[in-house]
Amino acid sequence: MKYTPGPWEASNGNIWTEGEQVFVAMTNDVPIGDSLKNAELIAAAPEMYEALRNLENDNGIIPDHAWQMVQNAINKAEGKNDSQT
């Protein structure tokens, strides 16, 4: 999967990596505090994606419903829908 490599940092509602702007999370329709929190969540996305991709459930220790949530999140990040899994 291709995306702008992390780590990403949130600053004033914008997402940055290595001094380059990646994404602007500010909108007029969202309160400033929400926009800043949205930016922080978006900035964490590359690390969260990598963490989920590296999870293993070979011994079945992760409950089925939680493992399905992991798989759904990975598929969503990769632009796949449920029928493509």
C-alpha atoms as a PDB file:
ATOM      1  CA  MET A   1       0.000   0.000   0.000  1.00  0.00           C
ATOM      2  CA  LYS A   2       1.306   3.445  -0.859  1.00  0.00           C
ATOM      3  CA  TYR A   3       0.822   6.480   1.354  1.00  0.00           C
ATOM      4  CA  THR A   4       2.985   9.314   2.606  1.00  0.00           C
ATOM      5  CA  PRO A   5       5.424   7.622   5.000  1.00  0.00           C
ATOM      6  CA  GLY A   6       5.254   8.517   8.679  1.00  0.00           C
ATOM      7  CA  PRO A   7       5.855   9.516  11.236  1.00  0.00           C
ATOM      8  CA  TRP A   8       3.237  12.218  10.882  1.00  0.00           C
ATOM      9  CA  GLU A   9       2.874  15.091  13.342  1.00  0.00           C
ATOM     10  CA  ALA A  10      -0.188  17.219  14.073  1.00  0.00           C
ATOM     11  CA  SER A  11       0.295  20.968  14.391  1.00  0.00           C
ATOM     12  CA  ASN A  12      -2.493  23.559  14.441  1.00  0.00           C
ATOM     13  CA  GLY A  13      -4.911  21.187  12.731  1.00  0.00           C
ATOM     14  CA  ASN A  14      -2.493  20.291   9.941  1.00  0.00           C
ATOM     15  CA  ILE A  15      -0.584  17.055   9.388  1.00  0.00           C
ATOM     16  CA  TRP A  16       3.144  17.231   8.630  1.00  0.00           C
ATOM     17  CA  THR A  17       5.957  14.832   7.857  1.00  0.00           C
ATOM     18  CA  GLU A  18       9.580  15.866   7.522  1.00  0.00           C
ATOM     19  CA  GLY A  19       8.584  19.509   7.179  1.00  0.00           C
ATOM     20  CA  GLU A  20       6.125  18.829   4.356  1.00  0.00           C
ATOM     21  CA  GLN A  21       2.400  19.313   4.774  1.00  0.00           C
ATOM     22  CA  VAL A  22       0.486  16.071   4.256  1.00  0.00           C
ATOM     23  CA  PHE A  23      -3.090  17.015   5.096  1.00  0.00           C
ATOM     24  CA  VAL A  24      -5.177  19.922   6.370  1.00  0.00           C
ATOM     25  CA  ALA A  25      -7.761  18.816   8.918  1.00  0.00           C
ATOM     26  CA  MET A  26      -9.360  22.205   9.579  1.00  0.00           C
ATOM     27  CA  THR A  27     -12.839  22.973   8.263  1.00  0.00           C
ATOM     28  CA  ASN A  28     -15.332  25.738   8.921  1.00  0.00           C
ATOM     29  CA  ASP A  29     -18.016  23.227   9.910  1.00  0.00           C
ATOM     30  CA  VAL A  30     -16.099  21.644  12.825  1.00  0.00           C
ATOM     31  CA  PRO A  31     -15.202  23.368  16.090  1.00  0.00           C
ATOM     32  CA  ILE A  32     -11.479  24.161  16.369  1.00  0.00           C
ATOM     33  CA  GLY A  33     -10.996  21.766  19.291  1.00  0.00           C
ATOM     34  CA  ASP A  34     -12.532  18.920  17.283  1.00  0.00           C
ATOM     35  CA  SER A  35     -10.360  19.746  14.273  1.00  0.00           C
ATOM     36  CA  LEU A  36      -7.225  19.620  16.406  1.00  0.00           C
ATOM     37  CA  LYS A  37      -8.245  16.243  17.857  1.00  0.00           C
ATOM     38  CA  ASN A  38      -9.069  14.987  14.349  1.00  0.00           C
ATOM     39  CA  ALA A  39      -5.596  16.037  13.215  1.00  0.00           C
ATOM     40  CA  GLU A  40      -3.993  14.133  16.102  1.00  0.00           C
ATOM     41  CA  LEU A  41      -5.962  11.003  15.198  1.00  0.00           C
ATOM     42  CA  ILE A  42      -5.073  11.301  11.517  1.00  0.00           C
ATOM     43  CA  ALA A  43      -1.401  11.847  12.383  1.00  0.00           C
ATOM     44  CA  ALA A  44      -1.412   8.568  14.329  1.00  0.00           C
ATOM     45  CA  ALA A  45      -2.880   6.636  11.375  1.00  0.00           C
ATOM     46  CA  PRO A  46       0.395   5.331   9.857  1.00  0.00           C
ATOM     47  CA  GLU A  47       1.562   3.895  13.191  1.00  0.00           C
ATOM     48  CA  MET A  48      -1.867   2.411  13.937  1.00  0.00           C
ATOM     49  CA  TYR A  49      -1.987   0.827  10.480  1.00  0.00           C
ATOM     50  CA  GLU A  50       1.457  -0.720  10.931  1.00  0.00           C
ATOM     51  CA  ALA A  51       0.556  -1.987  14.404  1.00  0.00           C
ATOM     52  CA  LEU A  52      -2.603  -3.656  13.088  1.00  0.00           C
ATOM     53  CA  ARG A  53      -0.741  -5.172  10.124  1.00  0.00           C
ATOM     54  CA  ASN A  54       1.773  -6.701  12.534  1.00  0.00           C
ATOM     55  CA  LEU A  55      -0.786  -8.310  14.839  1.00  0.00           C
ATOM     56  CA  GLU A  56      -0.964 -12.073  14.686  1.00  0.00           C
ATOM     57  CA  ASN A  57      -3.677 -14.316  16.001  1.00  0.00           C
ATOM     58  CA  ASP A  58      -2.177 -17.743  15.251  1.00  0.00           C
ATOM     59  CA  ASN A  59      -3.089 -19.065  18.687  1.00  0.00           C
ATOM     60  CA  GLY A  60      -6.598 -17.559  18.631  1.00  0.00           C
ATOM     61  CA  ILE A  61      -6.021 -15.485  21.763  1.00  0.00           C
ATOM     62  CA  ILE A  62      -7.705 -12.409  20.242  1.00  0.00           C
ATOM     63  CA  PRO A  63     -11.509 -12.853  20.418  1.00  0.00           C
ATOM     64  CA  ASP A  64     -13.177 -13.372  17.034  1.00  0.00           C
ATOM     65  CA  HIS A  65     -15.134 -10.103  17.180  1.00  0.00           C
ATOM     66  CA  ALA A  66     -11.978  -8.120  17.984  1.00  0.00           C
ATOM     67  CA  TRP A  67      -9.962  -9.890  15.269  1.00  0.00           C
ATOM     68  CA  GLN A  68     -12.716  -9.057  12.769  1.00  0.00           C
ATOM     69  CA  MET A  69     -12.498  -5.398  13.830  1.00  0.00           C
ATOM     70  CA  VAL A  70      -8.734  -5.493  13.150  1.00  0.00           C
ATOM     71  CA  GLN A  71      -9.285  -7.012   9.719  1.00  0.00           C
ATOM     72  CA  ASN A  72     -12.049  -4.509   8.883  1.00  0.00           C
ATOM     73  CA  ALA A  73      -9.827  -1.577   9.872  1.00  0.00           C
ATOM     74  CA  ILE A  74      -6.953  -2.879   7.725  1.00  0.00           C
ATOM     75  CA  ASN A  75      -9.286  -3.401   4.775  1.00  0.00           C
ATOM     76  CA  LYS A  76     -10.709   0.100   5.161  1.00  0.00           C
ATOM     77  CA  ALA A  77      -7.219   1.604   5.290  1.00  0.00           C
ATOM     78  CA  GLU A  78      -6.305  -0.314   2.134  1.00  0.00           C
ATOM     79  CA  GLY A  79      -9.463   0.784   0.305  1.00  0.00           C
ATOM     80  CA  LYS A  80     -10.971  -2.703   0.277  1.00  0.00           C
ATOM     81  CA  ASN A  81     -14.601  -3.382   1.075  1.00  0.00           C
ATOM     82  CA  ASP A  82     -15.930  -6.463   2.901  1.00  0.00           C
ATOM     83  CA  SER A  83     -16.565  -8.379  -0.338  1.00  0.00           C
ATOM     84  CA  GLN A  84     -12.869  -8.116  -1.273  1.00  0.00           C
ATOM     85  CA  THR A  85     -11.482  -9.754   1.895  1.00  0.00           C
END
